[in-house]
Amino acid sequence: MMATTSSRDTGDEDALGSRHPLPEFVDWIVAAVVAIGGLALTVGGSALTFVVDRAMLEEGVESGEITVVIFERDLTEAEMLEFTQEVVNWTGIGILVTGVGLVLFAIGFVVGQQT
């Protein structure tokens, strides 16, 4: 009968493989990718929050480019405008906060890896 040994038994490395960590530049690459994604979301969220205004949405509703159907019921133009404005505002805020959070996470990740 042949006995098997695991890496825990031999003491070569622990379960996370900390004896052979990834090179330091990998941490920087991961942080850069996360930060760039966060910046992209921040820009997109800012555009939705601060650039798209009521007049722009009103023009889209009146031209028929924006249509909203809720529960198989067509909304009036005024209801569509209000609904669309709220969705755009809250979506923009959510994307903006997510982007800022990702940038802060990337900064914290790099600082944490340096200690």
N, C-alpha and C. Protein backbone atom coordinates (compact mmCIF):
# COMPACT_ATOMS: atom_id res chain seq x y z
N MET A 1 0.85 -1.17 0.00
CA MET A 1 0.00 0.00 0.00
C MET A 1 0.90 1.24 0.00
N MET A 2 0.60 2.15 -0.89
CA MET A 2 1.43 3.32 -1.06
C MET A 2 0.79 4.51 -0.34
N ALA A 3 1.56 5.20 0.46
CA ALA A 3 1.05 6.35 1.19
C ALA A 3 1.28 7.61 0.37
N THR A 4 0.28 8.47 0.36
CA THR A 4 0.41 9.73 -0.36
C THR A 4 0.65 10.84 0.65
N THR A 5 1.44 11.79 0.24
CA THR A 5 1.68 12.95 1.11
C THR A 5 1.23 14.20 0.39
N SER A 6 0.71 15.10 1.14
CA SER A 6 0.30 16.39 0.57
C SER A 6 1.38 17.41 0.85
N SER A 7 1.25 18.57 0.26
CA SER A 7 2.24 19.61 0.47
C SER A 7 2.23 20.08 1.92
N ARG A 8 1.13 19.89 2.61
CA ARG A 8 1.07 20.27 4.03
C ARG A 8 1.94 19.34 4.86
N ASP A 9 1.97 18.06 4.45
CA ASP A 9 2.75 17.10 5.21
C ASP A 9 4.24 17.35 5.05
N THR A 10 4.68 17.76 3.90
CA THR A 10 6.10 17.94 3.65
C THR A 10 6.59 19.31 4.10
N GLY A 11 5.71 20.26 4.29
CA GLY A 11 6.11 21.58 4.73
C GLY A 11 6.69 22.44 3.62
N ASP A 12 6.55 22.00 2.36
CA ASP A 12 7.10 22.77 1.25
C ASP A 12 6.40 24.11 1.07
N GLU A 13 5.12 24.12 1.17
CA GLU A 13 4.37 25.37 1.05
C GLU A 13 3.03 25.19 1.72
N ASP A 14 2.42 26.29 2.08
CA ASP A 14 1.11 26.19 2.72
C ASP A 14 0.01 26.16 1.66
N ALA A 15 -1.24 26.16 2.10
CA ALA A 15 -2.37 26.00 1.18
C ALA A 15 -2.47 27.13 0.17
N LEU A 16 -2.00 28.31 0.50
CA LEU A 16 -2.09 29.44 -0.41
C LEU A 16 -0.86 29.59 -1.28
N GLY A 17 0.14 28.76 -1.08
CA GLY A 17 1.33 28.83 -1.91
C GLY A 17 2.19 30.04 -1.62
N SER A 18 2.29 30.42 -0.37
CA SER A 18 3.01 31.65 -0.04
C SER A 18 4.52 31.52 -0.18
N ARG A 19 5.02 30.32 -0.38
CA ARG A 19 6.47 30.17 -0.57
C ARG A 19 6.92 30.76 -1.90
N HIS A 20 6.05 30.75 -2.88
CA HIS A 20 6.37 31.26 -4.22
C HIS A 20 5.30 32.26 -4.64
N PRO A 21 5.31 33.45 -4.04
CA PRO A 21 4.28 34.43 -4.40
C PRO A 21 4.50 34.96 -5.82
N LEU A 22 3.47 35.56 -6.33
CA LEU A 22 3.58 36.17 -7.65
C LEU A 22 4.54 37.35 -7.59
N PRO A 23 5.16 37.67 -8.69
CA PRO A 23 6.05 38.83 -8.70
C PRO A 23 5.29 40.12 -8.36
N GLU A 24 6.03 41.08 -7.85
CA GLU A 24 5.41 42.33 -7.41
C GLU A 24 4.73 43.08 -8.55
N PHE A 25 5.26 42.98 -9.76
CA PHE A 25 4.66 43.73 -10.87
C PHE A 25 3.25 43.23 -11.18
N VAL A 26 2.92 42.00 -10.82
CA VAL A 26 1.56 41.48 -11.05
C VAL A 26 0.57 42.25 -10.18
N ASP A 27 0.96 42.55 -8.95
CA ASP A 27 0.11 43.36 -8.07
C ASP A 27 -0.16 44.72 -8.68
N TRP A 28 0.88 45.32 -9.26
CA TRP A 28 0.72 46.64 -9.88
C TRP A 28 -0.17 46.56 -11.11
N ILE A 29 -0.04 45.49 -11.89
CA ILE A 29 -0.87 45.34 -13.09
C ILE A 29 -2.33 45.17 -12.70
N VAL A 30 -2.59 44.33 -11.70
CA VAL A 30 -3.97 44.12 -11.24
C VAL A 30 -4.57 45.43 -10.73
N ALA A 31 -3.80 46.15 -9.92
CA ALA A 31 -4.29 47.42 -9.39
C ALA A 31 -4.53 48.43 -10.51
N ALA A 32 -3.66 48.45 -11.51
CA ALA A 32 -3.84 49.39 -12.62
C ALA A 32 -5.09 49.06 -13.42
N VAL A 33 -5.33 47.78 -13.67
CA VAL A 33 -6.53 47.38 -14.43
C VAL A 33 -7.80 47.75 -13.66
N VAL A 34 -7.81 47.48 -12.36
CA VAL A 34 -8.97 47.83 -11.55
C VAL A 34 -9.16 49.34 -11.51
N ALA A 35 -8.06 50.09 -11.36
CA ALA A 35 -8.16 51.56 -11.31
C ALA A 35 -8.65 52.13 -12.64
N ILE A 36 -8.16 51.59 -13.75
CA ILE A 36 -8.61 52.08 -15.07
C ILE A 36 -10.09 51.78 -15.27
N GLY A 37 -10.52 50.59 -14.86
CA GLY A 37 -11.95 50.28 -14.93
C GLY A 37 -12.78 51.21 -14.06
N GLY A 38 -12.26 51.51 -12.86
CA GLY A 38 -12.95 52.44 -11.97
C GLY A 38 -13.02 53.85 -12.54
N LEU A 39 -11.93 54.27 -13.18
CA LEU A 39 -11.95 55.60 -13.82
C LEU A 39 -12.95 55.65 -14.96
N ALA A 40 -13.02 54.57 -15.75
CA ALA A 40 -13.99 54.52 -16.85
C ALA A 40 -15.42 54.61 -16.31
N LEU A 41 -15.69 53.87 -15.24
CA LEU A 41 -17.03 53.94 -14.65
C LEU A 41 -17.30 55.32 -14.05
N THR A 42 -16.29 55.93 -13.48
CA THR A 42 -16.45 57.28 -12.92
C THR A 42 -16.80 58.28 -14.01
N VAL A 43 -16.11 58.18 -15.14
CA VAL A 43 -16.41 59.09 -16.26
C VAL A 43 -17.82 58.84 -16.79
N GLY A 44 -18.18 57.58 -16.99
CA GLY A 44 -19.52 57.25 -17.49
C GLY A 44 -20.62 57.68 -16.53
N GLY A 45 -20.42 57.43 -15.24
CA GLY A 45 -21.41 57.85 -14.25
C GLY A 45 -21.53 59.35 -14.16
N SER A 46 -20.39 60.04 -14.28
CA SER A 46 -20.43 61.50 -14.27
C SER A 46 -21.18 62.04 -15.48
N ALA A 47 -20.97 61.42 -16.63
CA ALA A 47 -21.68 61.86 -17.84
C ALA A 47 -23.18 61.68 -17.67
N LEU A 48 -23.60 60.54 -17.16
CA LEU A 48 -25.03 60.32 -16.95
C LEU A 48 -25.60 61.29 -15.92
N THR A 49 -24.85 61.53 -14.86
CA THR A 49 -25.36 62.36 -13.78
C THR A 49 -25.38 63.84 -14.13
N PHE A 50 -24.30 64.31 -14.78
CA PHE A 50 -24.15 65.75 -14.95
C PHE A 50 -24.39 66.26 -16.37
N VAL A 51 -24.35 65.39 -17.38
CA VAL A 51 -24.51 65.84 -18.77
C VAL A 51 -25.94 65.65 -19.27
N VAL A 52 -26.50 64.49 -18.98
CA VAL A 52 -27.87 64.21 -19.44
C VAL A 52 -28.83 65.02 -18.59
N ASP A 53 -29.57 65.90 -19.24
CA ASP A 53 -30.50 66.74 -18.50
C ASP A 53 -31.93 66.52 -18.98
N ARG A 54 -32.84 67.20 -18.34
CA ARG A 54 -34.26 67.03 -18.64
C ARG A 54 -34.60 67.40 -20.08
N ALA A 55 -33.98 68.45 -20.60
CA ALA A 55 -34.27 68.87 -21.98
C ALA A 55 -33.84 67.79 -22.98
N MET A 56 -32.70 67.17 -22.73
CA MET A 56 -32.22 66.12 -23.62
C MET A 56 -33.17 64.91 -23.59
N LEU A 57 -33.63 64.56 -22.40
CA LEU A 57 -34.56 63.44 -22.28
C LEU A 57 -35.92 63.79 -22.88
N GLU A 58 -36.35 65.02 -22.70
CA GLU A 58 -37.63 65.46 -23.26
C GLU A 58 -37.60 65.39 -24.79
N GLU A 59 -36.50 65.79 -25.37
CA GLU A 59 -36.34 65.71 -26.82
C GLU A 59 -36.42 64.26 -27.30
N GLY A 60 -35.79 63.33 -26.55
CA GLY A 60 -35.83 61.92 -26.91
C GLY A 60 -37.22 61.32 -26.79
N VAL A 61 -37.96 61.71 -25.77
CA VAL A 61 -39.33 61.21 -25.59
C VAL A 61 -40.24 61.75 -26.68
N GLU A 62 -40.12 63.03 -26.99
CA GLU A 62 -40.98 63.63 -28.01
C GLU A 62 -40.70 63.08 -29.40
N SER A 63 -39.44 62.78 -29.69
CA SER A 63 -39.09 62.25 -31.02
C SER A 63 -39.42 60.76 -31.15
N GLY A 64 -39.71 60.11 -30.04
CA GLY A 64 -40.03 58.68 -30.08
C GLY A 64 -38.81 57.78 -29.91
N GLU A 65 -37.63 58.37 -29.72
CA GLU A 65 -36.43 57.57 -29.49
C GLU A 65 -36.47 56.87 -28.15
N ILE A 66 -37.13 57.47 -27.18
CA ILE A 66 -37.27 56.88 -25.85
C ILE A 66 -38.73 56.50 -25.65
N THR A 67 -38.99 55.22 -25.46
CA THR A 67 -40.34 54.75 -25.14
C THR A 67 -40.24 53.82 -23.94
N VAL A 68 -41.21 53.91 -23.07
CA VAL A 68 -41.22 53.10 -21.86
C VAL A 68 -42.58 52.42 -21.76
N VAL A 69 -42.55 51.10 -21.56
CA VAL A 69 -43.77 50.34 -21.34
C VAL A 69 -43.62 49.63 -20.00
N ILE A 70 -44.56 49.90 -19.10
CA ILE A 70 -44.52 49.27 -17.79
C ILE A 70 -45.80 48.47 -17.60
N PHE A 71 -45.62 47.19 -17.29
CA PHE A 71 -46.75 46.29 -17.07
C PHE A 71 -47.74 46.33 -18.23
N GLU A 72 -47.20 46.26 -19.43
CA GLU A 72 -47.98 46.23 -20.66
C GLU A 72 -48.89 47.45 -20.80
N ARG A 73 -48.48 48.57 -20.22
CA ARG A 73 -49.26 49.80 -20.31
C ARG A 73 -48.33 50.89 -20.81
N ASP A 74 -48.75 51.57 -21.86
CA ASP A 74 -47.97 52.69 -22.36
C ASP A 74 -48.12 53.87 -21.41
N LEU A 75 -47.03 54.54 -21.20
CA LEU A 75 -47.05 55.73 -20.34
C LEU A 75 -47.27 56.97 -21.19
N THR A 76 -47.79 57.99 -20.57
CA THR A 76 -47.90 59.27 -21.27
C THR A 76 -46.50 59.85 -21.40
N GLU A 77 -46.35 60.87 -22.23
CA GLU A 77 -45.04 61.49 -22.42
C GLU A 77 -44.51 62.07 -21.11
N ALA A 78 -45.38 62.66 -20.32
CA ALA A 78 -44.94 63.23 -19.04
C ALA A 78 -44.47 62.14 -18.08
N GLU A 79 -45.21 61.02 -18.03
CA GLU A 79 -44.80 59.91 -17.18
C GLU A 79 -43.49 59.29 -17.67
N MET A 80 -43.34 59.14 -18.99
CA MET A 80 -42.10 58.60 -19.54
C MET A 80 -40.92 59.49 -19.20
N LEU A 81 -41.13 60.80 -19.30
CA LEU A 81 -40.06 61.74 -19.01
C LEU A 81 -39.63 61.65 -17.55
N GLU A 82 -40.59 61.63 -16.64
CA GLU A 82 -40.27 61.52 -15.21
C GLU A 82 -39.57 60.21 -14.89
N PHE A 83 -40.09 59.12 -15.41
CA PHE A 83 -39.51 57.80 -15.17
C PHE A 83 -38.09 57.72 -15.72
N THR A 84 -37.91 58.16 -16.94
CA THR A 84 -36.60 58.10 -17.58
C THR A 84 -35.59 58.97 -16.84
N GLN A 85 -36.03 60.14 -16.41
CA GLN A 85 -35.13 61.03 -15.69
C GLN A 85 -34.67 60.40 -14.38
N GLU A 86 -35.56 59.78 -13.65
CA GLU A 86 -35.18 59.14 -12.39
C GLU A 86 -34.25 57.95 -12.62
N VAL A 87 -34.53 57.15 -13.64
CA VAL A 87 -33.66 56.01 -13.94
C VAL A 87 -32.26 56.48 -14.32
N VAL A 88 -32.17 57.49 -15.17
CA VAL A 88 -30.87 58.00 -15.59
C VAL A 88 -30.12 58.60 -14.41
N ASN A 89 -30.80 59.37 -13.57
CA ASN A 89 -30.14 59.99 -12.41
C ASN A 89 -29.59 58.94 -11.45
N TRP A 90 -30.42 57.97 -11.07
CA TRP A 90 -29.97 56.97 -10.09
C TRP A 90 -28.95 56.01 -10.68
N THR A 91 -29.07 55.70 -11.95
CA THR A 91 -28.07 54.85 -12.60
C THR A 91 -26.73 55.57 -12.67
N GLY A 92 -26.76 56.84 -13.02
CA GLY A 92 -25.52 57.63 -13.07
C GLY A 92 -24.85 57.71 -11.72
N ILE A 93 -25.62 57.95 -10.68
CA ILE A 93 -25.06 58.03 -9.32
C ILE A 93 -24.47 56.68 -8.92
N GLY A 94 -25.17 55.60 -9.21
CA GLY A 94 -24.68 54.27 -8.85
C GLY A 94 -23.38 53.93 -9.57
N ILE A 95 -23.31 54.23 -10.85
CA ILE A 95 -22.09 53.95 -11.62
C ILE A 95 -20.94 54.83 -11.13
N LEU A 96 -21.22 56.09 -10.83
CA LEU A 96 -20.20 57.01 -10.33
C LEU A 96 -19.63 56.51 -9.00
N VAL A 97 -20.49 56.12 -8.08
CA VAL A 97 -20.04 55.63 -6.77
C VAL A 97 -19.25 54.33 -6.92
N THR A 98 -19.69 53.45 -7.81
CA THR A 98 -18.97 52.21 -8.05
C THR A 98 -17.58 52.48 -8.61
N GLY A 99 -17.47 53.41 -9.54
CA GLY A 99 -16.17 53.76 -10.11
C GLY A 99 -15.22 54.33 -9.08
N VAL A 100 -15.70 55.25 -8.25
CA VAL A 100 -14.87 55.83 -7.21
C VAL A 100 -14.45 54.73 -6.22
N GLY A 101 -15.35 53.84 -5.90
CA GLY A 101 -15.02 52.74 -4.99
C GLY A 101 -13.95 51.83 -5.56
N LEU A 102 -14.00 51.55 -6.85
CA LEU A 102 -12.97 50.71 -7.47
C LEU A 102 -11.61 51.39 -7.47
N VAL A 103 -11.59 52.68 -7.73
CA VAL A 103 -10.31 53.41 -7.70
C VAL A 103 -9.73 53.38 -6.28
N LEU A 104 -10.57 53.63 -5.28
CA LEU A 104 -10.10 53.59 -3.90
C LEU A 104 -9.64 52.19 -3.51
N PHE A 105 -10.34 51.17 -3.99
CA PHE A 105 -9.93 49.79 -3.72
C PHE A 105 -8.55 49.51 -4.32
N ALA A 106 -8.33 49.96 -5.55
CA ALA A 106 -7.04 49.74 -6.21
C ALA A 106 -5.92 50.43 -5.43
N ILE A 107 -6.16 51.63 -4.97
CA ILE A 107 -5.16 52.34 -4.17
C ILE A 107 -4.89 51.60 -2.87
N GLY A 108 -5.95 51.17 -2.21
CA GLY A 108 -5.80 50.41 -0.97
C GLY A 108 -5.09 49.08 -1.18
N PHE A 109 -5.34 48.45 -2.29
CA PHE A 109 -4.68 47.18 -2.61
C PHE A 109 -3.18 47.38 -2.75
N VAL A 110 -2.77 48.41 -3.47
CA VAL A 110 -1.34 48.68 -3.66
C VAL A 110 -0.70 49.03 -2.33
N VAL A 111 -1.35 49.89 -1.55
CA VAL A 111 -0.79 50.26 -0.24
C VAL A 111 -0.69 49.04 0.67
N GLY A 112 -1.70 48.18 0.64
CA GLY A 112 -1.69 46.97 1.45
C GLY A 112 -0.60 46.00 1.05
N GLN A 113 -0.29 45.94 -0.22
CA GLN A 113 0.76 45.03 -0.69
C GLN A 113 2.14 45.55 -0.34
N GLN A 114 2.27 46.85 -0.14
CA GLN A 114 3.58 47.43 0.17
C GLN A 114 3.96 47.22 1.63
N THR A 115 2.98 46.99 2.49
CA THR A 115 3.27 46.82 3.91
C THR A 115 3.60 45.40 4.25
